[in-house]
Amino acid sequence: MRWSRRATSAQALAQRCRIVLGCAEGKSNRQVAAELGIWPQTVGKWRRRFLESRLDRLADEPRPGARPEPAARRVGPAALPTPRQ
């Protein structure tokens, strides 16, 4: 269920761009947040990141922890069906 509510990377990047464009028009964090239906703190976060590093910081950053393994690697050879002769 958690994954169904999570934005894809493309959607998240598009929202960040809308935030930055709203800020570039001189709107406050509250105004941009109200227009986009998000929290003002979120607008502040992306405004700050953009001012610090421009477009470089708008992309997703690597997440902590180990990367998930593909399902084929988790299933060992003993779990795969063998052909009958």
Protein backbone atom coordinates (compact mmCIF):
# COMPACT_ATOMS: atom_id res chain seq x y z
CA MET A 1 0.00 0.00 0.00
CA ARG A 2 2.84 2.37 0.81
CA TRP A 3 4.23 2.17 -2.73
CA SER A 4 0.90 3.03 -4.32
CA ARG A 5 0.98 6.46 -2.65
CA ARG A 6 4.60 7.22 -3.47
CA ALA A 7 5.27 9.53 -6.39
CA THR A 8 7.46 8.26 -9.19
CA SER A 9 10.78 9.96 -9.75
CA ALA A 10 9.41 11.78 -12.80
CA GLN A 11 6.39 13.06 -10.88
CA ALA A 12 8.55 14.15 -7.97
CA LEU A 13 10.96 15.99 -10.25
CA ALA A 14 8.06 17.73 -12.03
CA GLN A 15 6.67 18.87 -8.67
CA ARG A 16 10.07 20.20 -7.62
CA CYS A 17 10.26 22.16 -10.86
CA ARG A 18 6.80 23.63 -10.22
CA ILE A 19 7.97 24.63 -6.74
CA VAL A 20 11.07 26.38 -8.09
CA LEU A 21 9.09 28.14 -10.83
CA GLY A 22 6.56 29.37 -8.29
CA CYS A 23 9.36 30.70 -6.11
CA ALA A 24 10.96 32.38 -9.13
CA GLU A 25 7.71 34.29 -9.65
CA GLY A 26 8.26 35.87 -6.23
CA LYS A 27 5.61 33.88 -4.36
CA SER A 28 6.03 32.97 -0.71
CA ASN A 29 6.43 29.38 0.47
CA ARG A 30 2.83 29.45 1.72
CA GLN A 31 1.48 30.69 -1.61
CA VAL A 32 3.33 28.04 -3.61
CA ALA A 33 2.32 25.34 -1.13
CA ALA A 34 -1.35 26.35 -1.30
CA GLU A 35 -1.32 26.28 -5.11
CA LEU A 36 0.33 22.85 -5.26
CA GLY A 37 -1.45 21.29 -2.28
CA ILE A 38 1.75 20.56 -0.34
CA TRP A 39 3.30 21.67 2.96
CA PRO A 40 5.14 25.02 3.11
CA GLN A 41 8.09 23.18 4.68
CA THR A 42 8.40 21.12 1.49
CA VAL A 43 8.53 24.30 -0.58
CA GLY A 44 11.19 25.72 1.74
CA LYS A 45 13.27 22.56 1.46
CA TRP A 46 13.33 22.62 -2.35
CA ARG A 47 13.76 26.40 -2.54
CA ARG A 48 16.82 26.12 -0.28
CA ARG A 49 18.29 23.20 -2.23
CA PHE A 50 17.83 25.04 -5.51
CA LEU A 51 19.48 28.18 -4.18
CA GLU A 52 22.43 26.15 -2.86
CA SER A 53 23.15 24.05 -5.95
CA ARG A 54 20.71 25.04 -8.70
CA LEU A 55 19.44 22.12 -10.78
CA ASP A 56 21.99 19.63 -9.43
CA ARG A 57 20.06 19.16 -6.16
CA LEU A 58 16.59 18.78 -7.67
CA ALA A 59 17.22 15.16 -8.67
CA ASP A 60 16.61 12.30 -6.25
CA GLU A 61 19.49 11.66 -3.90
CA PRO A 62 20.62 8.09 -3.19
CA ARG A 63 18.73 6.54 -0.31
CA PRO A 64 20.54 4.96 2.63
CA GLY A 65 20.74 1.20 3.07
CA ALA A 66 21.35 -1.72 0.81
CA ARG A 67 19.75 -1.75 -2.60
CA PRO A 68 17.05 -4.39 -3.01
CA GLU A 69 18.08 -7.54 -4.84
CA PRO A 70 16.13 -8.73 -7.87
CA ALA A 71 13.77 -11.60 -7.06
CA ALA A 72 15.73 -13.98 -9.29
CA ARG A 73 18.80 -13.60 -7.09
CA ARG A 74 16.92 -14.17 -3.83
CA VAL A 75 15.53 -17.47 -5.04
CA GLY A 76 18.25 -20.07 -4.93
CA PRO A 77 18.64 -22.86 -7.46
CA ALA A 78 17.10 -25.39 -5.04
CA ALA A 79 13.84 -23.47 -5.11
CA LEU A 80 13.53 -23.61 -8.91
CA PRO A 81 11.54 -26.49 -10.40
CA THR A 82 13.57 -29.16 -12.15
CA PRO A 83 12.43 -30.82 -15.38
CA ARG A 84 11.18 -34.40 -15.00
CA GLN A 85 12.54 -37.07 -17.25
